[in-house]
Amino acid sequence: AGILVAFVLPRQEELLDRLKDEQAPDHRDTVQLAMFTG
């Protein structure tokens, strides 16, 4: 639960904000998010 609340959900929101601002997500950020999700 701590990992979900502290790392997964906030990083998802950051990536969504980038997409909404019409910026491509950084590959490192998606890899890091995948690690926390794993």
PDB file of all heavy atoms in Angstrom:
ATOM      1  N   ALA A   1       0.833  -1.209   0.000  1.00  0.00           N
ATOM      2  CA  ALA A   1       0.000   0.000   0.000  1.00  0.00           C
ATOM      3  C   ALA A   1       0.863   1.253   0.000  1.00  0.00           C
ATOM      4  O   ALA A   1       0.558   2.227  -0.702  1.00  0.00           O
ATOM      5  CB  ALA A   1      -0.924  -0.010   1.219  1.00  0.00           C
ATOM      6  N   GLY A   2       1.949   1.231   0.765  1.00  0.00           N
ATOM      7  CA  GLY A   2       2.858   2.378   0.796  1.00  0.00           C
ATOM      8  C   GLY A   2       3.487   2.643  -0.563  1.00  0.00           C
ATOM      9  O   GLY A   2       3.584   3.796  -0.998  1.00  0.00           O
ATOM     10  N   ILE A   3       3.909   1.585  -1.248  1.00  0.00           N
ATOM     11  CA  ILE A   3       4.506   1.755  -2.575  1.00  0.00           C
ATOM     12  C   ILE A   3       3.468   2.289  -3.556  1.00  0.00           C
ATOM     13  O   ILE A   3       3.759   3.177  -4.362  1.00  0.00           O
ATOM     14  CB  ILE A   3       5.115   0.424  -3.063  1.00  0.00           C
ATOM     15  CG1 ILE A   3       6.385   0.142  -2.255  1.00  0.00           C
ATOM     16  CG2 ILE A   3       5.410   0.451  -4.555  1.00  0.00           C
ATOM     17  CD1 ILE A   3       6.987  -1.213  -2.487  1.00  0.00           C
ATOM     18  N   LEU A   4       2.254   1.779  -3.469  1.00  0.00           N
ATOM     19  CA  LEU A   4       1.199   2.255  -4.367  1.00  0.00           C
ATOM     20  C   LEU A   4       0.926   3.739  -4.152  1.00  0.00           C
ATOM     21  O   LEU A   4       0.880   4.515  -5.111  1.00  0.00           O
ATOM     22  CB  LEU A   4      -0.078   1.442  -4.156  1.00  0.00           C
ATOM     23  CG  LEU A   4      -1.269   1.817  -5.043  1.00  0.00           C
ATOM     24  CD1 LEU A   4      -0.979   1.507  -6.502  1.00  0.00           C
ATOM     25  CD2 LEU A   4      -2.513   1.086  -4.590  1.00  0.00           C
ATOM     26  N   VAL A   5       0.780   4.127  -2.902  1.00  0.00           N
ATOM     27  CA  VAL A   5       0.413   5.510  -2.592  1.00  0.00           C
ATOM     28  C   VAL A   5       1.588   6.481  -2.772  1.00  0.00           C
ATOM     29  O   VAL A   5       1.414   7.599  -3.246  1.00  0.00           O
ATOM     30  CB  VAL A   5      -0.152   5.595  -1.156  1.00  0.00           C
ATOM     31  CG1 VAL A   5      -0.323   7.020  -0.695  1.00  0.00           C
ATOM     32  CG2 VAL A   5      -1.480   4.863  -1.081  1.00  0.00           C
ATOM     33  N   ALA A   6       2.786   6.049  -2.418  1.00  0.00           N
ATOM     34  CA  ALA A   6       3.931   6.957  -2.444  1.00  0.00           C
ATOM     35  C   ALA A   6       4.670   7.000  -3.780  1.00  0.00           C
ATOM     36  O   ALA A   6       5.271   8.027  -4.111  1.00  0.00           O
ATOM     37  CB  ALA A   6       4.921   6.579  -1.342  1.00  0.00           C
ATOM     38  N   PHE A   7       4.628   5.903  -4.531  1.00  0.00           N
ATOM     39  CA  PHE A   7       5.441   5.855  -5.744  1.00  0.00           C
ATOM     40  C   PHE A   7       4.650   5.628  -7.030  1.00  0.00           C
ATOM     41  O   PHE A   7       4.896   6.298  -8.024  1.00  0.00           O
ATOM     42  CB  PHE A   7       6.513   4.761  -5.621  1.00  0.00           C
ATOM     43  CG  PHE A   7       7.476   4.997  -4.498  1.00  0.00           C
ATOM     44  CD1 PHE A   7       7.416   4.241  -3.351  1.00  0.00           C
ATOM     45  CD2 PHE A   7       8.434   5.997  -4.585  1.00  0.00           C
ATOM     46  CE1 PHE A   7       8.298   4.465  -2.304  1.00  0.00           C
ATOM     47  CE2 PHE A   7       9.310   6.230  -3.546  1.00  0.00           C
ATOM     48  CZ  PHE A   7       9.248   5.460  -2.405  1.00  0.00           C
ATOM     49  N   VAL A   8       3.711   4.683  -7.026  1.00  0.00           N
ATOM     50  CA  VAL A   8       3.025   4.328  -8.269  1.00  0.00           C
ATOM     51  C   VAL A   8       2.030   5.410  -8.691  1.00  0.00           C
ATOM     52  O   VAL A   8       2.127   5.963  -9.799  1.00  0.00           O
ATOM     53  CB  VAL A   8       2.336   2.946  -8.146  1.00  0.00           C
ATOM     54  CG1 VAL A   8       1.519   2.636  -9.386  1.00  0.00           C
ATOM     55  CG2 VAL A   8       3.378   1.857  -7.913  1.00  0.00           C
ATOM     56  N   LEU A   9       1.060   5.720  -7.830  1.00  0.00           N
ATOM     57  CA  LEU A   9       0.026   6.693  -8.207  1.00  0.00           C
ATOM     58  C   LEU A   9       0.597   8.080  -8.511  1.00  0.00           C
ATOM     59  O   LEU A   9       0.214   8.690  -9.520  1.00  0.00           O
ATOM     60  CB  LEU A   9      -1.060   6.758  -7.134  1.00  0.00           C
ATOM     61  CG  LEU A   9      -1.898   5.487  -6.966  1.00  0.00           C
ATOM     62  CD1 LEU A   9      -2.870   5.631  -5.803  1.00  0.00           C
ATOM     63  CD2 LEU A   9      -2.635   5.138  -8.244  1.00  0.00           C
ATOM     64  N   PRO A  10       1.519   8.618  -7.694  1.00  0.00           N
ATOM     65  CA  PRO A  10       2.063   9.943  -8.026  1.00  0.00           C
ATOM     66  C   PRO A  10       2.832   9.963  -9.352  1.00  0.00           C
ATOM     67  O   PRO A  10       2.731  10.934 -10.115  1.00  0.00           O
ATOM     68  CB  PRO A  10       2.998  10.268  -6.859  1.00  0.00           C
ATOM     69  CG  PRO A  10       2.514   9.435  -5.729  1.00  0.00           C
ATOM     70  CD  PRO A  10       1.969   8.185  -6.360  1.00  0.00           C
ATOM     71  N   ARG A  11       3.570   8.905  -9.654  1.00  0.00           N
ATOM     72  CA  ARG A  11       4.310   8.875 -10.916  1.00  0.00           C
ATOM     73  C   ARG A  11       3.362   8.722 -12.105  1.00  0.00           C
ATOM     74  O   ARG A  11       3.614   9.270 -13.173  1.00  0.00           O
ATOM     75  CB  ARG A  11       5.360   7.776 -10.889  1.00  0.00           C
ATOM     76  CG  ARG A  11       6.575   8.241 -10.095  1.00  0.00           C
ATOM     77  CD  ARG A  11       7.626   7.176  -9.959  1.00  0.00           C
ATOM     78  NE  ARG A  11       8.837   7.692  -9.336  1.00  0.00           N
ATOM     79  CZ  ARG A  11       8.975   8.012  -8.064  1.00  0.00           C
ATOM     80  NH1 ARG A  11       7.954   7.896  -7.249  1.00  0.00           N
ATOM     81  NH2 ARG A  11      10.123   8.451  -7.588  1.00  0.00           N
ATOM     82  N   GLN A  12       2.285   7.998 -11.917  1.00  0.00           N
ATOM     83  CA  GLN A  12       1.276   7.935 -12.979  1.00  0.00           C
ATOM     84  C   GLN A  12       0.707   9.333 -13.247  1.00  0.00           C
ATOM     85  O   GLN A  12       0.552   9.731 -14.407  1.00  0.00           O
ATOM     86  CB  GLN A  12       0.140   6.979 -12.589  1.00  0.00           C
ATOM     87  CG  GLN A  12       0.487   5.526 -12.666  1.00  0.00           C
ATOM     88  CD  GLN A  12      -0.683   4.642 -12.278  1.00  0.00           C
ATOM     89  OE1 GLN A  12      -1.716   5.104 -11.778  1.00  0.00           O
ATOM     90  NE2 GLN A  12      -0.529   3.350 -12.504  1.00  0.00           N
ATOM     91  N   GLU A  13       0.421  10.061 -12.174  1.00  0.00           N
ATOM     92  CA  GLU A  13      -0.120  11.417 -12.329  1.00  0.00           C
ATOM     93  C   GLU A  13       0.870  12.334 -13.040  1.00  0.00           C
ATOM     94  O   GLU A  13       0.483  13.144 -13.883  1.00  0.00           O
ATOM     95  CB  GLU A  13      -0.506  11.983 -10.965  1.00  0.00           C
ATOM     96  CG  GLU A  13      -1.722  11.301 -10.366  1.00  0.00           C
ATOM     97  CD  GLU A  13      -1.974  11.675  -8.916  1.00  0.00           C
ATOM     98  OE1 GLU A  13      -1.291  12.565  -8.375  1.00  0.00           O
ATOM     99  OE2 GLU A  13      -2.867  11.054  -8.321  1.00  0.00           O
ATOM    100  N   GLU A  14       2.162  12.215 -12.708  1.00  0.00           N
ATOM    101  CA  GLU A  14       3.174  13.034 -13.374  1.00  0.00           C
ATOM    102  C   GLU A  14       3.217  12.742 -14.871  1.00  0.00           C
ATOM    103  O   GLU A  14       3.287  13.668 -15.691  1.00  0.00           O
ATOM    104  CB  GLU A  14       4.556  12.774 -12.766  1.00  0.00           C
ATOM    105  CG  GLU A  14       4.738  13.308 -11.368  1.00  0.00           C
ATOM    106  CD  GLU A  14       6.042  12.844 -10.729  1.00  0.00           C
ATOM    107  OE1 GLU A  14       6.906  12.255 -11.437  1.00  0.00           O
ATOM    108  OE2 GLU A  14       6.203  13.048  -9.511  1.00  0.00           O
ATOM    109  N   LEU A  15       3.170  11.468 -15.228  1.00  0.00           N
ATOM    110  CA  LEU A  15       3.185  11.108 -16.645  1.00  0.00           C
ATOM    111  C   LEU A  15       1.922  11.591 -17.348  1.00  0.00           C
ATOM    112  O   LEU A  15       1.981  12.055 -18.490  1.00  0.00           O
ATOM    113  CB  LEU A  15       3.360   9.601 -16.808  1.00  0.00           C
ATOM    114  CG  LEU A  15       4.747   9.064 -16.441  1.00  0.00           C
ATOM    115  CD1 LEU A  15       4.753   7.548 -16.410  1.00  0.00           C
ATOM    116  CD2 LEU A  15       5.798   9.580 -17.407  1.00  0.00           C
ATOM    117  N   LEU A  16       0.792  11.504 -16.681  1.00  0.00           N
ATOM    118  CA  LEU A  16      -0.452  12.014 -17.270  1.00  0.00           C
ATOM    119  C   LEU A  16      -0.383  13.522 -17.481  1.00  0.00           C
ATOM    120  O   LEU A  16      -0.853  14.039 -18.505  1.00  0.00           O
ATOM    121  CB  LEU A  16      -1.647  11.666 -16.387  1.00  0.00           C
ATOM    122  CG  LEU A  16      -2.117  10.223 -16.441  1.00  0.00           C
ATOM    123  CD1 LEU A  16      -3.227   9.998 -15.435  1.00  0.00           C
ATOM    124  CD2 LEU A  16      -2.579   9.868 -17.843  1.00  0.00           C
ATOM    125  N   ASP A  17       0.188  14.230 -16.512  1.00  0.00           N
ATOM    126  CA  ASP A  17       0.332  15.683 -16.659  1.00  0.00           C
ATOM    127  C   ASP A  17       1.191  16.019 -17.870  1.00  0.00           C
ATOM    128  O   ASP A  17       0.895  16.962 -18.611  1.00  0.00           O
ATOM    129  CB  ASP A  17       0.934  16.303 -15.393  1.00  0.00           C
ATOM    130  CG  ASP A  17      -0.046  16.310 -14.228  1.00  0.00           C
ATOM    131  OD1 ASP A  17      -1.267  16.167 -14.474  1.00  0.00           O
ATOM    132  OD2 ASP A  17       0.408  16.462 -13.072  1.00  0.00           O
ATOM    133  N   ARG A  18       2.262  15.272 -18.076  1.00  0.00           N
ATOM    134  CA  ARG A  18       3.110  15.508 -19.252  1.00  0.00           C
ATOM    135  C   ARG A  18       2.327  15.280 -20.538  1.00  0.00           C
ATOM    136  O   ARG A  18       2.450  16.058 -21.479  1.00  0.00           O
ATOM    137  CB  ARG A  18       4.333  14.594 -19.228  1.00  0.00           C
ATOM    138  CG  ARG A  18       5.365  15.046 -18.267  1.00  0.00           C
ATOM    139  CD  ARG A  18       6.641  14.301 -18.492  1.00  0.00           C
ATOM    140  NE  ARG A  18       7.577  14.664 -17.435  1.00  0.00           N
ATOM    141  CZ  ARG A  18       8.601  13.964 -17.092  1.00  0.00           C
ATOM    142  NH1 ARG A  18       8.872  12.830 -17.709  1.00  0.00           N
ATOM    143  NH2 ARG A  18       9.395  14.359 -16.129  1.00  0.00           N
ATOM    144  N   LEU A  19       1.563  14.196 -20.573  1.00  0.00           N
ATOM    145  CA  LEU A  19       0.775  13.922 -21.775  1.00  0.00           C
ATOM    146  C   LEU A  19      -0.274  15.003 -22.004  1.00  0.00           C
ATOM    147  O   LEU A  19      -0.514  15.404 -23.144  1.00  0.00           O
ATOM    148  CB  LEU A  19       0.112  12.546 -21.674  1.00  0.00           C
ATOM    149  CG  LEU A  19       1.048  11.356 -21.858  1.00  0.00           C
ATOM    150  CD1 LEU A  19       0.345  10.054 -21.476  1.00  0.00           C
ATOM    151  CD2 LEU A  19       1.557  11.298 -23.289  1.00  0.00           C
ATOM    152  N   LYS A  20      -0.885  15.479 -20.937  1.00  0.00           N
ATOM    153  CA  LYS A  20      -1.891  16.536 -21.074  1.00  0.00           C
ATOM    154  C   LYS A  20      -1.274  17.855 -21.523  1.00  0.00           C
ATOM    155  O   LYS A  20      -1.922  18.659 -22.168  1.00  0.00           O
ATOM    156  CB  LYS A  20      -2.656  16.714 -19.759  1.00  0.00           C
ATOM    157  CG  LYS A  20      -3.588  15.554 -19.476  1.00  0.00           C
ATOM    158  CD  LYS A  20      -4.259  15.688 -18.135  1.00  0.00           C
ATOM    159  CE  LYS A  20      -5.084  14.444 -17.846  1.00  0.00           C
ATOM    160  NZ  LYS A  20      -5.619  14.440 -16.489  1.00  0.00           N
ATOM    161  N   ASP A  21      -0.004  18.063 -21.156  1.00  0.00           N
ATOM    162  CA  ASP A  21       0.722  19.260 -21.601  1.00  0.00           C
ATOM    163  C   ASP A  21       1.368  19.046 -22.968  1.00  0.00           C
ATOM    164  O   ASP A  21       2.204  19.838 -23.383  1.00  0.00           O
ATOM    165  CB  ASP A  21       1.807  19.639 -20.582  1.00  0.00           C
ATOM    166  CG  ASP A  21       1.237  20.142 -19.281  1.00  0.00           C
ATOM    167  OD1 ASP A  21       0.057  20.548 -19.269  1.00  0.00           O
ATOM    168  OD2 ASP A  21       1.969  20.117 -18.265  1.00  0.00           O
ATOM    169  N   GLU A  22       0.987  17.956 -23.627  1.00  0.00           N
ATOM    170  CA  GLU A  22       1.478  17.599 -24.955  1.00  0.00           C
ATOM    171  C   GLU A  22       2.987  17.407 -24.995  1.00  0.00           C
ATOM    172  O   GLU A  22       3.662  17.829 -25.932  1.00  0.00           O
ATOM    173  CB  GLU A  22       1.007  18.618 -25.999  1.00  0.00           C
ATOM    174  CG  GLU A  22      -0.504  18.644 -26.130  1.00  0.00           C
ATOM    175  CD  GLU A  22      -0.969  19.553 -27.252  1.00  0.00           C
ATOM    176  OE1 GLU A  22      -0.131  20.170 -27.923  1.00  0.00           O
ATOM    177  OE2 GLU A  22      -2.192  19.630 -27.435  1.00  0.00           O
ATOM    178  N   GLN A  23       3.514  16.783 -23.952  1.00  0.00           N
ATOM    179  CA  GLN A  23       4.922  16.409 -23.903  1.00  0.00           C
ATOM    180  C   GLN A  23       5.012  14.890 -23.885  1.00  0.00           C
ATOM    181  O   GLN A  23       4.213  14.228 -23.231  1.00  0.00           O
ATOM    182  CB  GLN A  23       5.608  16.956 -22.643  1.00  0.00           C
ATOM    183  CG  GLN A  23       5.614  18.451 -22.540  1.00  0.00           C
ATOM    184  CD  GLN A  23       6.150  18.907 -21.184  1.00  0.00           C
ATOM    185  OE1 GLN A  23       6.497  18.091 -20.343  1.00  0.00           O
ATOM    186  NE2 GLN A  23       6.191  20.198 -20.987  1.00  0.00           N
ATOM    187  N   ALA A  24       5.986  14.369 -24.588  1.00  0.00           N
ATOM    188  CA  ALA A  24       6.186  12.915 -24.579  1.00  0.00           C
ATOM    189  C   ALA A  24       6.742  12.491 -23.220  1.00  0.00           C
ATOM    190  O   ALA A  24       7.596  13.175 -22.658  1.00  0.00           O
ATOM    191  CB  ALA A  24       7.148  12.519 -25.690  1.00  0.00           C
ATOM    192  N   PRO A  25       6.276  11.366 -22.700  1.00  0.00           N
ATOM    193  CA  PRO A  25       6.813  10.888 -21.426  1.00  0.00           C
ATOM    194  C   PRO A  25       8.270  10.451 -21.587  1.00  0.00           C
ATOM    195  O   PRO A  25       8.642   9.897 -22.616  1.00  0.00           O
ATOM    196  CB  PRO A  25       5.928   9.708 -21.050  1.00  0.00           C
ATOM    197  CG  PRO A  25       5.074   9.416 -22.220  1.00  0.00           C
ATOM    198  CD  PRO A  25       5.200  10.525 -23.193  1.00  0.00           C
ATOM    199  N   ASP A  26       9.057  10.722 -20.578  1.00  0.00           N
ATOM    200  CA  ASP A  26      10.455  10.311 -20.567  1.00  0.00           C
ATOM    201  C   ASP A  26      10.516   8.802 -20.355  1.00  0.00           C
ATOM    202  O   ASP A  26       9.856   8.259 -19.462  1.00  0.00           O
ATOM    203  CB  ASP A  26      11.203  11.051 -19.452  1.00  0.00           C
ATOM    204  CG  ASP A  26      12.690  10.771 -19.458  1.00  0.00           C
ATOM    205  OD1 ASP A  26      13.233  10.422 -20.521  1.00  0.00           O
ATOM    206  OD2 ASP A  26      13.314  10.906 -18.390  1.00  0.00           O
ATOM    207  N   HIS A  27      11.317   8.121 -21.175  1.00  0.00           N
ATOM    208  CA  HIS A  27      11.419   6.658 -21.088  1.00  0.00           C
ATOM    209  C   HIS A  27      11.897   6.213 -19.704  1.00  0.00           C
ATOM    210  O   HIS A  27      11.411   5.221 -19.167  1.00  0.00           O
ATOM    211  CB  HIS A  27      12.357   6.137 -22.179  1.00  0.00           C
ATOM    212  CG  HIS A  27      12.466   4.647 -22.194  1.00  0.00           C
ATOM    213  ND1 HIS A  27      11.439   3.827 -22.628  1.00  0.00           N
ATOM    214  CD2 HIS A  27      13.455   3.817 -21.804  1.00  0.00           C
ATOM    215  CE1 HIS A  27      11.804   2.570 -22.510  1.00  0.00           C
ATOM    216  NE2 HIS A  27      13.028   2.534 -22.024  1.00  0.00           N
ATOM    217  N   ARG A  28      12.839   6.958 -19.125  1.00  0.00           N
ATOM    218  CA  ARG A  28      13.339   6.594 -17.788  1.00  0.00           C
ATOM    219  C   ARG A  28      12.226   6.624 -16.750  1.00  0.00           C
ATOM    220  O   ARG A  28      12.191   5.796 -15.844  1.00  0.00           O
ATOM    221  CB  ARG A  28      14.469   7.531 -17.357  1.00  0.00           C
ATOM    222  CG  ARG A  28      15.774   7.284 -18.042  1.00  0.00           C
ATOM    223  CD  ARG A  28      16.809   8.201 -17.480  1.00  0.00           C
ATOM    224  NE  ARG A  28      16.273   9.572 -17.425  1.00  0.00           N
ATOM    225  CZ  ARG A  28      16.989  10.665 -17.392  1.00  0.00           C
ATOM    226  NH1 ARG A  28      18.290  10.580 -17.380  1.00  0.00           N
ATOM    227  NH2 ARG A  28      16.430  11.850 -17.348  1.00  0.00           N
ATOM    228  N   ASP A  29      11.342   7.594 -16.876  1.00  0.00           N
ATOM    229  CA  ASP A  29      10.233   7.692 -15.919  1.00  0.00           C
ATOM    230  C   ASP A  29       9.291   6.494 -16.031  1.00  0.00           C
ATOM    231  O   ASP A  29       8.799   5.978 -15.024  1.00  0.00           O
ATOM    232  CB  ASP A  29       9.459   8.989 -16.116  1.00  0.00           C
ATOM    233  CG  ASP A  29      10.262  10.212 -15.702  1.00  0.00           C
ATOM    234  OD1 ASP A  29      11.214  10.061 -14.914  1.00  0.00           O
ATOM    235  OD2 ASP A  29       9.937  11.312 -16.187  1.00  0.00           O
ATOM    236  N   THR A  30       9.022   6.059 -17.275  1.00  0.00           N
ATOM    237  CA  THR A  30       8.133   4.906 -17.432  1.00  0.00           C
ATOM    238  C   THR A  30       8.811   3.622 -16.951  1.00  0.00           C
ATOM    239  O   THR A  30       8.155   2.750 -16.390  1.00  0.00           O
ATOM    240  CB  THR A  30       7.660   4.738 -18.886  1.00  0.00           C
ATOM    241  OG1 THR A  30       8.785   4.562 -19.743  1.00  0.00           O
ATOM    242  CG2 THR A  30       6.833   5.929 -19.335  1.00  0.00           C
ATOM    243  N   VAL A  31      10.117   3.528 -17.138  1.00  0.00           N
ATOM    244  CA  VAL A  31      10.847   2.351 -16.651  1.00  0.00           C
ATOM    245  C   VAL A  31      10.853   2.330 -15.123  1.00  0.00           C
ATOM    246  O   VAL A  31      10.632   1.285 -14.502  1.00  0.00           O
ATOM    247  CB  VAL A  31      12.287   2.330 -17.227  1.00  0.00           C
ATOM    248  CG1 VAL A  31      13.140   1.288 -16.523  1.00  0.00           C
ATOM    249  CG2 VAL A  31      12.248   2.082 -18.720  1.00  0.00           C
ATOM    250  N   GLN A  32      11.072   3.491 -14.520  1.00  0.00           N
ATOM    251  CA  GLN A  32      11.066   3.564 -13.056  1.00  0.00           C
ATOM    252  C   GLN A  32       9.678   3.229 -12.505  1.00  0.00           C
ATOM    253  O   GLN A  32       9.546   2.508 -11.517  1.00  0.00           O
ATOM    254  CB  GLN A  32      11.511   4.949 -12.601  1.00  0.00           C
ATOM    255  CG  GLN A  32      11.710   5.045 -11.105  1.00  0.00           C
ATOM    256  CD  GLN A  32      12.156   6.424 -10.696  1.00  0.00           C
ATOM    257  OE1 GLN A  32      11.535   7.423 -11.063  1.00  0.00           O
ATOM    258  NE2 GLN A  32      13.233   6.487  -9.929  1.00  0.00           N
ATOM    259  N   LEU A  33       8.647   3.734 -13.154  1.00  0.00           N
ATOM    260  CA  LEU A  33       7.280   3.407 -12.741  1.00  0.00           C
ATOM    261  C   LEU A  33       7.027   1.906 -12.875  1.00  0.00           C
ATOM    262  O   LEU A  33       6.418   1.293 -11.993  1.00  0.00           O
ATOM    263  CB  LEU A  33       6.261   4.191 -13.569  1.00  0.00           C
ATOM    264  CG  LEU A  33       4.790   3.837 -13.333  1.00  0.00           C
ATOM    265  CD1 LEU A  33       4.400   4.060 -11.881  1.00  0.00           C
ATOM    266  CD2 LEU A  33       3.907   4.639 -14.268  1.00  0.00           C
ATOM    267  N   ALA A  34       7.511   1.308 -13.953  1.00  0.00           N
ATOM    268  CA  ALA A  34       7.348  -0.136 -14.135  1.00  0.00           C
ATOM    269  C   ALA A  34       8.053  -0.906 -13.018  1.00  0.00           C
ATOM    270  O   ALA A  34       7.546  -1.932 -12.540  1.00  0.00           O
ATOM    271  CB  ALA A  34       7.882  -0.560 -15.497  1.00  0.00           C
ATOM    272  N   MET A  35       9.208  -0.407 -12.574  1.00  0.00           N
ATOM    273  CA  MET A  35       9.930  -1.062 -11.482  1.00  0.00           C
ATOM    274  C   MET A  35       9.111  -1.010 -10.186  1.00  0.00           C
ATOM    275  O   MET A  35       8.932  -2.030  -9.512  1.00  0.00           O
ATOM    276  CB  MET A  35      11.289  -0.402 -11.251  1.00  0.00           C
ATOM    277  CG  MET A  35      12.052  -0.999 -10.080  1.00  0.00           C
ATOM    278  SD  MET A  35      13.408   0.026  -9.515  1.00  0.00           S
ATOM    279  CE  MET A  35      12.573   1.466  -8.929  1.00  0.00           C
ATOM    280  N   PHE A  36       8.603   0.170  -9.840  1.00  0.00           N
ATOM    281  CA  PHE A  36       7.793   0.289  -8.623  1.00  0.00           C
ATOM    282  C   PHE A  36       6.528  -0.561  -8.720  1.00  0.00           C
ATOM    283  O   PHE A  36       6.114  -1.186  -7.742  1.00  0.00           O
ATOM    284  CB  PHE A  36       7.436   1.741  -8.342  1.00  0.00           C
ATOM    285  CG  PHE A  36       8.583   2.564  -7.852  1.00  0.00           C
ATOM    286  CD1 PHE A  36       8.964   3.722  -8.505  1.00  0.00           C
ATOM    287  CD2 PHE A  36       9.307   2.180  -6.729  1.00  0.00           C
ATOM    288  CE1 PHE A  36      10.030   4.480  -8.047  1.00  0.00           C
ATOM    289  CE2 PHE A  36      10.370   2.931  -6.261  1.00  0.00           C
ATOM    290  CZ  PHE A  36      10.733   4.085  -6.930  1.00  0.00           C
ATOM    291  N   THR A  37       5.932  -0.584  -9.896  1.00  0.00           N
ATOM    292  CA  THR A  37       4.737  -1.408 -10.096  1.00  0.00           C
ATOM    293  C   THR A  37       5.070  -2.878  -9.931  1.00  0.00           C
ATOM    294  O   THR A  37       4.299  -3.638  -9.332  1.00  0.00           O
ATOM    295  CB  THR A  37       4.140  -1.137 -11.494  1.00  0.00           C
ATOM    296  OG1 THR A  37       3.806   0.246 -11.593  1.00  0.00           O
ATOM    297  CG2 THR A  37       2.906  -1.971 -11.731  1.00  0.00           C
ATOM    298  N   GLY A  38       6.209  -3.298 -10.439  1.00  0.00           N
ATOM    299  CA  GLY A  38       6.635  -4.689 -10.287  1.00  0.00           C
ATOM    300  C   GLY A  38       6.841  -5.064  -8.833  1.00  0.00           C
ATOM    301  O   GLY A  38       6.447  -6.159  -8.397  1.00  0.00           O
TER     302      GLY A  38
END
